[in-house]
Amino acid sequence: MYTVIGSVKTRTFRVLWLLEELGVEYAFQPAAPRSPEVLALSPLGKVPVLLDDDHVFTDSTAIMTYLADKHGQMTYAAGTHERDRKSTRLNSSHVVIPYAVFCLKKKKKKNHTSPPPPPPAVMFPHRHTT
């Protein structure tokens, strides 16, 4: 049985939702980011944390990919073009969403220099396939 550690107001919710969709048993242990119980398992103190036997997973995207692969649901077979497109979109959200939030915050501040935008292939991977 899996144990999920985190807060439902964080990306932990994504993992909990996937576990519900998969219909597998799990235990949920509420914990805040950077709390002692989280820091004991995740050096950066980030949640969610997934425990599967002796294995510890600490990234929501990695956790969801692991669970989908392990249970053979909610994903495409490894090595297929469909899987590559799904992985690209899933992983690019770590770049596009924080950049969008940065831009929104920038509008509220004056005299702030912005970083260069990410390349279009990162922001819009579905438009830049090879």
Protein backbone atom coordinates (compact mmCIF):
# COMPACT_ATOMS: atom_id res chain seq x y z
CA MET A 1 0.00 0.00 0.00
CA TYR A 2 1.17 3.51 -0.81
CA THR A 3 1.55 6.34 1.68
CA VAL A 4 1.13 9.90 0.42
CA ILE A 5 2.50 12.70 2.58
CA GLY A 6 1.57 16.32 1.92
CA SER A 7 -1.20 18.87 1.88
CA VAL A 8 -4.29 18.79 -0.34
CA LYS A 9 -3.73 22.48 -1.09
CA THR A 10 -0.51 21.61 -2.93
CA ARG A 11 0.43 19.35 -5.84
CA THR A 12 -0.22 16.45 -3.48
CA PHE A 13 -3.82 16.73 -4.67
CA ARG A 14 -2.73 15.59 -8.15
CA VAL A 15 -1.28 12.38 -6.72
CA LEU A 16 -4.32 11.72 -4.54
CA TRP A 17 -6.61 12.23 -7.50
CA LEU A 18 -4.62 9.80 -9.65
CA LEU A 19 -4.67 7.17 -6.90
CA GLU A 20 -8.45 7.52 -6.69
CA GLU A 21 -8.74 7.16 -10.47
CA LEU A 22 -6.53 4.07 -10.39
CA GLY A 23 -8.67 2.62 -7.59
CA VAL A 24 -5.71 1.50 -5.48
CA GLU A 25 -5.36 1.55 -1.70
CA TYR A 26 -3.32 4.30 -0.11
CA ALA A 27 -2.87 6.07 3.18
CA PHE A 28 -2.76 9.85 3.39
CA GLN A 29 -0.64 11.58 6.00
CA PRO A 30 -1.30 15.35 6.13
CA ALA A 31 1.90 17.37 6.44
CA ALA A 32 2.99 20.88 5.51
CA PRO A 33 5.89 21.56 3.18
CA ARG A 34 9.21 21.78 5.06
CA SER A 35 7.68 20.15 8.15
CA PRO A 36 9.99 17.79 10.08
CA GLU A 37 8.30 14.65 8.74
CA VAL A 38 8.63 15.89 5.16
CA LEU A 39 12.24 17.07 5.61
CA ALA A 40 13.13 13.61 6.91
CA LEU A 41 12.14 12.15 3.51
CA SER A 42 12.62 15.03 1.08
CA PRO A 43 15.80 17.13 1.50
CA LEU A 44 14.14 20.18 -0.09
CA GLY A 45 11.04 19.79 2.07
CA LYS A 46 8.72 19.69 -0.93
CA VAL A 47 5.46 17.79 -1.06
CA PRO A 48 4.06 15.44 -2.20
CA VAL A 49 6.08 12.51 -0.94
CA LEU A 50 5.06 9.01 -1.99
CA LEU A 51 6.27 5.98 -0.07
CA ASP A 52 6.12 2.63 -1.84
CA ASP A 53 7.78 -0.03 0.32
CA ASP A 54 11.36 1.21 0.73
CA HIS A 55 11.19 3.69 -2.15
CA VAL A 56 10.61 7.42 -1.68
CA PHE A 57 9.36 9.65 -4.53
CA THR A 58 9.31 13.43 -4.10
CA ASP A 59 8.12 15.02 -7.37
CA SER A 60 4.45 15.04 -8.35
CA THR A 61 5.17 14.49 -12.05
CA ALA A 62 7.57 11.63 -11.33
CA ILE A 63 5.08 10.11 -8.89
CA MET A 64 2.22 10.24 -11.39
CA THR A 65 4.37 8.76 -14.15
CA TYR A 66 5.55 5.98 -11.82
CA LEU A 67 2.02 5.12 -10.70
CA ALA A 68 0.61 5.14 -14.23
CA ASP A 69 3.43 2.89 -15.46
CA LYS A 70 3.23 0.53 -12.50
CA HIS A 71 -0.52 0.03 -12.87
CA GLY A 72 -0.61 0.17 -16.68
CA GLN A 73 -3.32 2.82 -16.73
CA MET A 74 -3.66 6.53 -17.55
CA THR A 75 -0.64 6.52 -19.87
CA TYR A 76 0.70 5.35 -23.21
CA ALA A 77 3.22 2.54 -23.62
CA ALA A 78 6.85 3.54 -23.15
CA GLY A 79 8.73 4.20 -26.38
CA THR A 80 5.68 5.37 -28.38
CA HIS A 81 5.19 8.76 -30.02
CA GLU A 82 2.06 9.31 -27.94
CA ARG A 83 4.04 8.78 -24.73
CA ASP A 84 6.68 11.27 -25.88
CA ARG A 85 4.04 13.94 -26.58
CA LYS A 86 2.37 13.32 -23.20
CA SER A 87 5.69 13.50 -21.36
CA THR A 88 6.70 16.67 -23.17
CA ARG A 89 3.46 18.42 -22.24
CA LEU A 90 3.51 17.14 -18.68
CA ASN A 91 7.11 18.16 -18.08
CA SER A 92 6.91 21.50 -19.89
CA SER A 93 4.27 22.67 -17.39
CA HIS A 94 7.16 23.13 -14.94
CA VAL A 95 8.56 25.82 -17.26
CA VAL A 96 5.50 27.47 -18.78
CA ILE A 97 3.35 27.89 -15.66
CA PRO A 98 6.07 29.42 -13.43
CA TYR A 99 7.03 31.75 -16.30
CA ALA A 100 3.40 32.84 -16.67
CA VAL A 101 3.16 33.49 -12.92
CA PHE A 102 6.40 35.50 -13.08
CA CYS A 103 4.94 37.64 -15.90
CA LEU A 104 1.76 38.29 -13.91
CA LYS A 105 3.77 39.33 -10.86
CA LYS A 106 5.99 41.52 -13.03
CA LYS A 107 2.97 43.55 -14.16
CA LYS A 108 2.32 44.50 -10.54
CA LYS A 109 5.90 45.68 -9.96
CA LYS A 110 7.69 48.57 -11.61
CA ASN A 111 11.36 48.75 -12.59
CA HIS A 112 11.70 44.99 -12.67
CA THR A 113 13.79 43.31 -15.32
CA SER A 114 12.34 40.16 -16.78
CA PRO A 115 14.29 37.10 -17.84
CA PRO A 116 14.28 36.23 -21.51
CA PRO A 117 11.25 34.14 -22.44
CA PRO A 118 11.76 30.40 -22.88
CA PRO A 119 12.16 29.23 -26.47
CA PRO A 120 8.89 28.57 -28.33
CA ALA A 121 9.58 24.84 -28.44
CA VAL A 122 9.43 24.78 -24.64
CA MET A 123 6.34 26.96 -24.34
CA PHE A 124 4.41 25.31 -27.17
CA PRO A 125 5.79 21.80 -27.71
CA HIS A 126 2.77 20.65 -29.71
CA ARG A 127 3.65 23.23 -32.40
CA HIS A 128 7.30 22.19 -32.62
CA THR A 129 7.37 18.48 -33.31
CA THR A 130 10.18 16.89 -35.23
